[in-house]
Structures are given as structure tokens and as C-alpha cells.
Amino acid sequence: MSDGTPEVRQRIRALLVDLFGNDRLVGTVSDTESLRQGGMSSTALVSLLVAMEDAFGFEWDEDVRPEALRSIASLADHVVSLR
């Protein structure tokens, strides 16, 4: 895990709060839990991915591995890997 990953995870959580408020998903899902299993809809995930592009200054590749989109931890690891 990169040194920047905890900060990226915190920023992703902040984006979730900005997008959805302090709902159950934001407050209860662990960093490694599947966002889908935690209750995130596909449209909510798309909103998060767009917000991440703006916040972190990158664009998602069309061929991004589905595993990278699974959890807060995997999203953060992907962002850190792009730096």
C-alpha cells in the first residue's frame, strides 16, 4: 500500500458525503467492503467515479479492471497507482 492511500481513502469518503450526505453507506461501509454489497447503486457509483475524476485530475480508462471499482480501498489504490 502506498503512503498516499489513507489520504486518498479519506478524500473518497468525503466525496461520498458530498454526493450522498451522511447516509448508511457512507457511515457503515468499510474500506475493503464491496460498495455494491454495501448498497451503492450503479448510478451512484458512476456519480462517484465522475467526482473522483474532478477531485484527483484523471480520467477513467475504458478498460479499467472491475476489481478497481469494488471498494474504497481498491479505488484509492487505483488513484495512487496513477500518480
N, C-alpha and C. Protein backbone atom coordinates (compact mmCIF):
# COMPACT_ATOMS: atom_id res chain seq x y z
N MET A 1 0.84 -1.17 0.00
CA MET A 1 0.00 0.00 0.00
C MET A 1 0.89 1.24 0.00
N SER A 2 0.52 2.22 -0.76
CA SER A 2 1.29 3.44 -0.88
C SER A 2 1.05 4.35 0.33
N ASP A 3 2.01 5.24 0.58
CA ASP A 3 1.86 6.20 1.67
C ASP A 3 0.67 7.14 1.44
N GLY A 4 0.29 7.38 0.20
CA GLY A 4 -0.81 8.29 -0.10
C GLY A 4 -2.18 7.66 0.01
N THR A 5 -2.25 6.36 0.16
CA THR A 5 -3.53 5.68 0.13
C THR A 5 -4.49 6.10 1.26
N PRO A 6 -4.06 6.22 2.52
CA PRO A 6 -5.02 6.64 3.56
C PRO A 6 -5.64 8.01 3.27
N GLU A 7 -4.86 8.95 2.77
CA GLU A 7 -5.40 10.26 2.45
C GLU A 7 -6.38 10.18 1.27
N VAL A 8 -6.07 9.34 0.30
CA VAL A 8 -6.96 9.17 -0.84
C VAL A 8 -8.26 8.52 -0.38
N ARG A 9 -8.17 7.55 0.50
CA ARG A 9 -9.38 6.92 1.04
C ARG A 9 -10.25 7.94 1.75
N GLN A 10 -9.63 8.81 2.55
CA GLN A 10 -10.38 9.85 3.26
C GLN A 10 -11.05 10.79 2.27
N ARG A 11 -10.36 11.14 1.20
CA ARG A 11 -10.93 12.04 0.20
C ARG A 11 -12.10 11.36 -0.52
N ILE A 12 -12.00 10.08 -0.80
CA ILE A 12 -13.11 9.35 -1.43
C ILE A 12 -14.31 9.34 -0.49
N ARG A 13 -14.08 9.12 0.79
CA ARG A 13 -15.18 9.17 1.76
C ARG A 13 -15.82 10.56 1.80
N ALA A 14 -14.99 11.60 1.72
CA ALA A 14 -15.52 12.97 1.69
C ALA A 14 -16.36 13.19 0.43
N LEU A 15 -15.92 12.65 -0.69
CA LEU A 15 -16.71 12.76 -1.91
C LEU A 15 -18.05 12.05 -1.76
N LEU A 16 -18.05 10.88 -1.11
CA LEU A 16 -19.30 10.17 -0.86
C LEU A 16 -20.26 11.02 -0.02
N VAL A 17 -19.73 11.69 1.00
CA VAL A 17 -20.57 12.55 1.84
C VAL A 17 -21.09 13.72 1.02
N ASP A 18 -20.23 14.33 0.20
CA ASP A 18 -20.66 15.45 -0.65
C ASP A 18 -21.77 15.02 -1.60
N LEU A 19 -21.65 13.82 -2.15
CA LEU A 19 -22.62 13.35 -3.13
C LEU A 19 -23.92 12.85 -2.50
N PHE A 20 -23.81 12.14 -1.41
CA PHE A 20 -24.96 11.41 -0.89
C PHE A 20 -25.34 11.78 0.54
N GLY A 21 -24.63 12.71 1.14
CA GLY A 21 -24.90 13.02 2.53
C GLY A 21 -24.32 11.93 3.42
N ASN A 22 -24.64 12.01 4.66
CA ASN A 22 -24.10 11.03 5.61
C ASN A 22 -25.06 9.86 5.75
N ASP A 23 -25.29 9.19 4.63
CA ASP A 23 -26.23 8.07 4.66
C ASP A 23 -25.58 6.81 5.21
N ARG A 24 -26.35 5.74 5.27
CA ARG A 24 -25.88 4.48 5.84
C ARG A 24 -24.63 3.98 5.15
N LEU A 25 -24.59 4.07 3.82
CA LEU A 25 -23.44 3.58 3.07
C LEU A 25 -22.16 4.28 3.51
N VAL A 26 -22.21 5.58 3.56
CA VAL A 26 -21.00 6.34 3.90
C VAL A 26 -20.54 6.04 5.31
N GLY A 27 -21.49 5.90 6.22
CA GLY A 27 -21.13 5.71 7.61
C GLY A 27 -20.77 4.30 8.01
N THR A 28 -21.21 3.30 7.24
CA THR A 28 -21.03 1.94 7.71
C THR A 28 -20.14 1.06 6.83
N VAL A 29 -19.97 1.39 5.58
CA VAL A 29 -19.18 0.53 4.70
C VAL A 29 -17.69 0.66 5.07
N SER A 30 -17.03 -0.47 5.20
CA SER A 30 -15.59 -0.44 5.49
C SER A 30 -14.82 -0.15 4.21
N ASP A 31 -13.56 0.15 4.36
CA ASP A 31 -12.73 0.46 3.18
C ASP A 31 -12.62 -0.71 2.22
N THR A 32 -12.69 -1.92 2.74
CA THR A 32 -12.49 -3.10 1.90
C THR A 32 -13.79 -3.79 1.48
N GLU A 33 -14.91 -3.34 2.02
CA GLU A 33 -16.20 -3.94 1.68
C GLU A 33 -16.63 -3.55 0.27
N SER A 34 -17.27 -4.46 -0.42
CA SER A 34 -17.83 -4.17 -1.73
C SER A 34 -18.85 -3.04 -1.63
N LEU A 35 -18.67 -2.01 -2.45
CA LEU A 35 -19.62 -0.91 -2.45
C LEU A 35 -21.01 -1.38 -2.89
N ARG A 36 -21.04 -2.28 -3.84
CA ARG A 36 -22.34 -2.82 -4.30
C ARG A 36 -23.03 -3.58 -3.17
N GLN A 37 -22.29 -4.44 -2.49
CA GLN A 37 -22.88 -5.18 -1.37
C GLN A 37 -23.27 -4.26 -0.22
N GLY A 38 -22.58 -3.12 -0.13
CA GLY A 38 -22.90 -2.13 0.89
C GLY A 38 -24.12 -1.29 0.55
N GLY A 39 -24.64 -1.45 -0.67
CA GLY A 39 -25.86 -0.76 -1.04
C GLY A 39 -25.74 0.31 -2.10
N MET A 40 -24.54 0.49 -2.68
CA MET A 40 -24.38 1.52 -3.69
C MET A 40 -24.94 1.05 -5.03
N SER A 41 -25.79 1.87 -5.62
CA SER A 41 -26.36 1.55 -6.93
C SER A 41 -25.33 1.85 -8.02
N SER A 42 -25.58 1.33 -9.20
CA SER A 42 -24.67 1.58 -10.32
C SER A 42 -24.65 3.06 -10.70
N THR A 43 -25.79 3.74 -10.61
CA THR A 43 -25.80 5.17 -10.95
C THR A 43 -25.05 5.98 -9.89
N ALA A 44 -25.13 5.57 -8.64
CA ALA A 44 -24.36 6.24 -7.59
C ALA A 44 -22.87 6.03 -7.80
N LEU A 45 -22.48 4.83 -8.22
CA LEU A 45 -21.07 4.55 -8.49
C LEU A 45 -20.56 5.42 -9.63
N VAL A 46 -21.35 5.58 -10.67
CA VAL A 46 -20.95 6.44 -11.79
C VAL A 46 -20.76 7.87 -11.29
N SER A 47 -21.66 8.35 -10.45
CA SER A 47 -21.51 9.70 -9.89
C SER A 47 -20.22 9.83 -9.10
N LEU A 48 -19.89 8.82 -8.33
CA LEU A 48 -18.65 8.83 -7.56
C LEU A 48 -17.44 8.83 -8.49
N LEU A 49 -17.47 8.04 -9.53
CA LEU A 49 -16.34 7.97 -10.45
C LEU A 49 -16.10 9.31 -11.14
N VAL A 50 -17.18 9.99 -11.53
CA VAL A 50 -17.06 11.32 -12.15
C VAL A 50 -16.49 12.32 -11.14
N ALA A 51 -16.98 12.27 -9.91
CA ALA A 51 -16.47 13.16 -8.87
C ALA A 51 -14.99 12.90 -8.60
N MET A 52 -14.58 11.63 -8.66
CA MET A 52 -13.17 11.29 -8.45
C MET A 52 -12.31 11.85 -9.58
N GLU A 53 -12.81 11.80 -10.80
CA GLU A 53 -12.05 12.38 -11.92
C GLU A 53 -11.77 13.85 -11.66
N ASP A 54 -12.79 14.58 -11.22
CA ASP A 54 -12.62 16.00 -10.94
C ASP A 54 -11.69 16.24 -9.76
N ALA A 55 -11.87 15.47 -8.71
CA ALA A 55 -11.09 15.67 -7.48
C ALA A 55 -9.63 15.31 -7.64
N PHE A 56 -9.35 14.25 -8.40
CA PHE A 56 -7.98 13.76 -8.49
C PHE A 56 -7.31 14.07 -9.83
N GLY A 57 -8.04 14.68 -10.76
CA GLY A 57 -7.45 15.13 -12.01
C GLY A 57 -7.04 14.02 -12.97
N PHE A 58 -7.89 13.05 -13.17
CA PHE A 58 -7.60 11.99 -14.14
C PHE A 58 -8.91 11.56 -14.79
N GLU A 59 -8.81 10.75 -15.83
CA GLU A 59 -9.99 10.16 -16.46
C GLU A 59 -9.87 8.65 -16.39
N TRP A 60 -10.99 8.01 -16.10
CA TRP A 60 -11.02 6.56 -16.05
C TRP A 60 -10.81 5.99 -17.44
N ASP A 61 -9.98 4.97 -17.55
CA ASP A 61 -9.79 4.27 -18.82
C ASP A 61 -11.00 3.37 -19.06
N GLU A 62 -11.33 3.19 -20.32
CA GLU A 62 -12.45 2.30 -20.67
C GLU A 62 -12.16 0.86 -20.27
N ASP A 63 -10.89 0.51 -20.21
CA ASP A 63 -10.53 -0.88 -19.90
C ASP A 63 -10.08 -1.08 -18.44
N VAL A 64 -10.55 -0.20 -17.55
CA VAL A 64 -10.21 -0.35 -16.14
C VAL A 64 -10.77 -1.69 -15.64
N ARG A 65 -9.97 -2.37 -14.86
CA ARG A 65 -10.40 -3.67 -14.32
C ARG A 65 -11.56 -3.47 -13.34
N PRO A 66 -12.57 -4.31 -13.42
CA PRO A 66 -13.71 -4.19 -12.50
C PRO A 66 -13.30 -4.26 -11.03
N GLU A 67 -12.24 -4.98 -10.71
CA GLU A 67 -11.77 -5.08 -9.33
C GLU A 67 -11.37 -3.72 -8.77
N ALA A 68 -10.93 -2.81 -9.64
CA ALA A 68 -10.51 -1.48 -9.19
C ALA A 68 -11.69 -0.65 -8.70
N LEU A 69 -12.90 -1.05 -9.08
CA LEU A 69 -14.11 -0.30 -8.74
C LEU A 69 -14.88 -0.92 -7.59
N ARG A 70 -14.31 -1.92 -6.96
CA ARG A 70 -15.03 -2.73 -5.98
C ARG A 70 -15.26 -2.03 -4.64
N SER A 71 -14.24 -1.37 -4.12
CA SER A 71 -14.31 -0.84 -2.74
C SER A 71 -13.59 0.49 -2.66
N ILE A 72 -13.72 1.14 -1.53
CA ILE A 72 -12.99 2.38 -1.31
C ILE A 72 -11.49 2.12 -1.38
N ALA A 73 -11.04 1.02 -0.81
CA ALA A 73 -9.61 0.68 -0.83
C ALA A 73 -9.12 0.45 -2.26
N SER A 74 -9.88 -0.28 -3.07
CA SER A 74 -9.43 -0.54 -4.44
C SER A 74 -9.47 0.72 -5.28
N LEU A 75 -10.45 1.59 -5.05
CA LEU A 75 -10.50 2.87 -5.76
C LEU A 75 -9.27 3.72 -5.39
N ALA A 76 -8.95 3.77 -4.10
CA ALA A 76 -7.80 4.54 -3.65
C ALA A 76 -6.50 3.98 -4.22
N ASP A 77 -6.36 2.67 -4.22
CA ASP A 77 -5.16 2.05 -4.78
C ASP A 77 -5.01 2.41 -6.26
N HIS A 78 -6.12 2.43 -6.98
CA HIS A 78 -6.07 2.79 -8.40
C HIS A 78 -5.61 4.23 -8.57
N VAL A 79 -6.16 5.13 -7.80
CA VAL A 79 -5.76 6.55 -7.88
C VAL A 79 -4.28 6.69 -7.59
N VAL A 80 -3.81 6.06 -6.53
CA VAL A 80 -2.40 6.15 -6.15
C VAL A 80 -1.51 5.56 -7.26
N SER A 81 -1.96 4.50 -7.90
CA SER A 81 -1.16 3.89 -8.96
C SER A 81 -1.00 4.80 -10.17
N LEU A 82 -1.89 5.76 -10.32
CA LEU A 82 -1.81 6.69 -11.47
C LEU A 82 -0.83 7.83 -11.23
N ARG A 83 -0.41 8.00 -9.99
CA ARG A 83 0.48 9.13 -9.68
C ARG A 83 1.90 8.86 -10.09
